[in-house]
């Protein structure tokens, strides 16, 4: 069972529907006591970094998320903004992130040529930078593509924490991992067979 954390910012229904489609049980929860019993956690997110961190703090979710991710070391997957929240900080705001993976969230603005529109929106290719159970079997695809919508991107401090990279005027880490904690910048729930494969892999971890 995968627990999708509802902190007020995320594409919850689409994520749950994708898990249902591939035959994986999931539940949407915002109750701290129920999240305490989670065996696997998905942290979604759509919107701004500071707003998301404020909501997590206001709902008293940070302590239980730290407990599950860092002490119990249950598998955690952050997607889109949820991945950015795994980093130390974001140029989008002033609040600290969860800091589970040493990385920074940075703006595309002033880092890419004007020919590239912001946000980075649409399908783009991902390339493997390190082995990971999250991307097991991607070699079966001639070309692995995911659907992106974001104005900020993640750069890890240590390359060993990068598992996928993508180019959009600048190379960034489109999927990251540290131990039991995983992040994906793209939207697996909008990425058809590629997203199904990634969600299937996470369900098996």
Protein backbone atom coordinates (compact mmCIF):
# COMPACT_ATOMS: atom_id res chain seq x y z
CA UNK A 1 0.00 0.00 0.00
CA UNK A 2 1.34 3.39 -1.02
CA UNK A 3 0.33 6.38 1.09
CA UNK A 4 -0.10 9.56 -0.98
CA UNK A 5 0.36 12.51 1.38
CA UNK A 6 -2.30 15.19 1.05
CA UNK A 7 -0.90 18.44 2.38
CA UNK A 8 -3.12 20.54 0.15
CA UNK A 9 -0.98 20.80 -2.99
CA UNK A 10 -0.89 17.95 -5.44
CA UNK A 11 -2.44 16.10 -8.35
CA UNK A 12 -3.77 13.45 -5.97
CA UNK A 13 -6.61 11.98 -7.98
CA UNK A 14 -4.55 11.43 -11.13
CA UNK A 15 -1.77 9.76 -9.15
CA UNK A 16 -4.18 7.43 -7.38
CA UNK A 17 -5.89 6.60 -10.68
CA UNK A 18 -2.55 5.67 -12.26
CA UNK A 19 -1.74 3.33 -9.38
CA UNK A 20 -5.22 1.79 -9.71
CA UNK A 21 -4.69 1.32 -13.44
CA UNK A 22 -1.48 -0.66 -12.87
CA UNK A 23 -3.04 -2.70 -10.05
CA UNK A 24 -1.24 -1.08 -7.11
CA UNK A 25 -3.13 -0.19 -3.93
CA UNK A 26 -2.81 3.38 -2.70
CA UNK A 27 -4.53 5.70 -0.26
CA UNK A 28 -4.66 9.48 0.10
CA UNK A 29 -4.01 10.62 3.68
CA UNK A 30 -3.55 13.87 5.60
CA UNK A 31 -3.98 12.39 9.08
CA UNK A 32 -0.69 12.22 10.99
CA UNK A 33 -1.63 9.03 12.84
CA UNK A 34 -2.44 7.23 9.58
CA UNK A 35 0.75 8.44 7.93
CA UNK A 36 2.65 7.04 10.92
CA UNK A 37 1.55 3.58 9.78
CA UNK A 38 2.60 4.05 6.15
CA UNK A 39 4.92 1.44 4.65
CA UNK A 40 5.62 3.52 1.53
CA UNK A 41 5.08 7.25 0.93
CA UNK A 42 4.50 9.39 -2.15
CA UNK A 43 4.94 13.14 -1.73
CA UNK A 44 3.18 15.01 -4.56
CA UNK A 45 3.23 18.72 -5.24
CA UNK A 46 2.02 21.40 -7.63
CA UNK A 47 2.64 25.08 -6.89
CA UNK A 48 5.27 27.14 -5.07
CA UNK A 49 8.01 25.90 -2.77
CA UNK A 50 7.37 28.17 0.24
CA UNK A 51 3.60 27.63 0.13
CA UNK A 52 4.15 23.87 0.15
CA UNK A 53 6.57 23.98 3.09
CA UNK A 54 4.19 26.27 5.02
CA UNK A 55 1.35 23.80 4.51
CA UNK A 56 3.50 20.88 5.60
CA UNK A 57 4.50 22.79 8.75
CA UNK A 58 0.96 24.04 9.46
CA UNK A 59 -0.44 20.53 9.21
CA UNK A 60 2.28 19.18 11.54
CA UNK A 61 3.42 16.76 8.86
CA UNK A 62 7.16 17.52 8.90
CA UNK A 63 7.91 15.53 12.05
CA UNK A 64 6.10 12.40 10.90
CA UNK A 65 7.64 12.64 7.41
CA UNK A 66 11.13 12.95 8.91
CA UNK A 67 10.39 9.97 11.16
CA UNK A 68 9.24 7.78 8.26
CA UNK A 69 11.92 8.83 5.78
CA UNK A 70 15.01 9.19 7.97
CA UNK A 71 14.47 6.92 10.98
CA UNK A 72 12.22 4.15 9.70
CA UNK A 73 13.65 4.54 6.19
CA UNK A 74 10.47 3.59 4.37
CA UNK A 75 10.63 4.15 0.59
CA UNK A 76 9.63 7.73 -0.29
CA UNK A 77 9.00 9.20 -3.74
CA UNK A 78 8.61 12.96 -4.27
CA UNK A 79 7.26 14.03 -7.66
CA UNK A 80 7.35 17.43 -9.35
CA UNK A 81 7.30 20.03 -6.53
CA UNK A 82 7.45 17.06 -4.16
CA UNK A 83 10.94 16.31 -5.47
CA UNK A 84 12.05 19.91 -4.99
CA UNK A 85 10.88 19.75 -1.37
CA UNK A 86 13.43 16.97 -0.79
CA UNK A 87 16.26 19.48 -1.38
CA UNK A 88 17.87 21.93 1.03
CA UNK A 89 16.38 25.10 -0.41
CA UNK A 90 14.84 26.76 -3.46
CA UNK A 91 15.47 30.03 -5.26
CA UNK A 92 11.68 30.27 -5.47
CA UNK A 93 11.41 31.08 -1.76
CA UNK A 94 13.18 31.63 1.52
CA UNK A 95 12.09 28.62 3.59
CA UNK A 96 14.25 25.55 4.08
CA UNK A 97 13.25 22.35 2.33
CA UNK A 98 13.11 18.93 3.94
CA UNK A 99 16.83 18.56 3.20
CA UNK A 100 16.73 14.79 2.75
CA UNK A 101 18.90 14.89 -0.37
CA UNK A 102 21.80 17.37 -0.60
CA UNK A 103 20.70 19.50 -3.53
CA UNK A 104 19.46 22.94 -4.52
CA UNK A 105 16.37 23.96 -6.46
CA UNK A 106 17.25 26.65 -8.98
CA UNK A 107 15.44 28.88 -11.47
CA UNK A 108 15.65 28.45 -15.24
CA UNK A 109 15.46 32.24 -15.50
CA UNK A 110 18.78 33.81 -16.55
CA UNK A 111 20.28 30.33 -16.99
CA UNK A 112 18.81 29.37 -20.37
CA UNK A 113 18.62 31.12 -23.74
CA UNK A 114 15.48 33.03 -24.68
CA UNK A 115 14.57 30.38 -27.25
CA UNK A 116 13.58 28.15 -24.32
CA UNK A 117 10.23 29.08 -22.84
CA UNK A 118 9.61 29.06 -19.10
CA UNK A 119 8.04 26.96 -17.69
CA UNK A 120 9.62 23.90 -19.24
CA UNK A 121 6.40 22.25 -20.37
CA UNK A 122 5.87 19.09 -22.40
CA UNK A 123 7.68 15.87 -23.22
CA UNK A 124 11.44 15.58 -22.88
CA UNK A 125 14.03 12.83 -22.94
CA UNK A 126 15.67 11.51 -19.76
CA UNK A 127 19.10 9.88 -19.67
CA UNK A 128 20.37 7.53 -16.97
CA UNK A 129 23.18 8.93 -14.83
CA UNK A 130 23.31 6.17 -12.19
CA UNK A 131 21.70 2.80 -11.55
CA UNK A 132 18.56 2.74 -9.43
CA UNK A 133 15.66 0.38 -8.74
CA UNK A 134 13.34 3.28 -9.62
CA UNK A 135 14.43 3.20 -13.26
CA UNK A 136 14.91 -0.56 -13.62
CA UNK A 137 13.93 -1.76 -17.09
CA UNK A 138 14.03 1.64 -18.79
CA UNK A 139 16.46 0.09 -21.30
CA UNK A 140 13.47 -1.68 -22.87
CA UNK A 141 12.46 1.68 -24.35
CA UNK A 142 14.27 2.99 -27.42
CA UNK A 143 13.91 6.45 -25.95
CA UNK A 144 12.60 7.27 -22.46
CA UNK A 145 10.46 10.42 -22.26
CA UNK A 146 8.44 12.04 -19.50
CA UNK A 147 6.01 14.93 -19.27
CA UNK A 148 7.37 18.02 -17.48
CA UNK A 149 5.82 21.23 -16.14
CA UNK A 150 8.26 23.32 -14.05
CA UNK A 151 10.05 26.66 -13.83
CA UNK A 152 12.67 25.49 -11.32
CA UNK A 153 15.08 22.58 -11.55
CA UNK A 154 17.21 20.54 -9.18
CA UNK A 155 21.00 20.14 -9.11
CA UNK A 156 22.44 17.61 -6.68
CA UNK A 157 25.60 18.35 -4.70
CA UNK A 158 26.93 14.84 -5.23
CA UNK A 159 26.57 13.17 -8.62
CA UNK A 160 25.96 9.80 -6.97
CA UNK A 161 22.51 11.11 -5.99
CA UNK A 162 21.52 11.73 -9.62
CA UNK A 163 19.76 8.89 -11.43
CA UNK A 164 18.29 10.68 -14.47
CA UNK A 165 19.34 13.85 -16.28
CA UNK A 166 17.48 16.02 -18.78
CA UNK A 167 18.55 18.90 -20.98
CA UNK A 168 16.48 22.05 -21.39
CA UNK A 169 19.03 24.72 -22.22
CA UNK A 170 20.83 23.54 -19.12
CA UNK A 171 21.37 20.01 -17.87
CA UNK A 172 19.48 19.23 -14.67
CA UNK A 173 18.73 16.23 -12.48
CA UNK A 174 15.31 14.95 -13.47
CA UNK A 175 15.37 12.05 -10.98
CA UNK A 176 17.38 11.73 -7.77
CA UNK A 177 17.95 9.23 -4.98
CA UNK A 178 19.60 8.94 -1.62
CA UNK A 179 19.14 5.56 0.05
CA UNK A 180 15.36 5.03 0.46
CA UNK A 181 14.41 8.49 -0.80
CA UNK A 182 13.62 9.12 -4.47
CA UNK A 183 12.56 12.16 -6.45
CA UNK A 184 11.22 12.69 -9.98
CA UNK A 185 10.84 16.19 -11.46
CA UNK A 186 8.42 15.07 -14.16
CA UNK A 187 4.81 13.88 -13.85
CA UNK A 188 4.73 10.06 -14.03
CA UNK A 189 0.92 10.15 -13.84
CA UNK A 190 0.86 12.07 -17.16
CA UNK A 191 3.61 10.07 -18.84
CA UNK A 192 1.78 6.98 -20.13
CA UNK A 193 3.87 3.79 -20.37
CA UNK A 194 6.98 5.49 -19.00
CA UNK A 195 5.15 6.70 -15.90
CA UNK A 196 3.52 3.32 -15.41
CA UNK A 197 6.94 1.66 -15.47
CA UNK A 198 8.34 4.08 -12.88
CA UNK A 199 5.31 3.66 -10.58
CA UNK A 200 5.51 -0.14 -10.96
CA UNK A 201 9.18 0.01 -9.98
CA UNK A 202 8.45 2.14 -6.93
CA UNK A 203 5.70 -0.25 -5.86
CA UNK A 204 8.24 -3.11 -5.91
CA UNK A 205 10.93 -1.31 -3.88
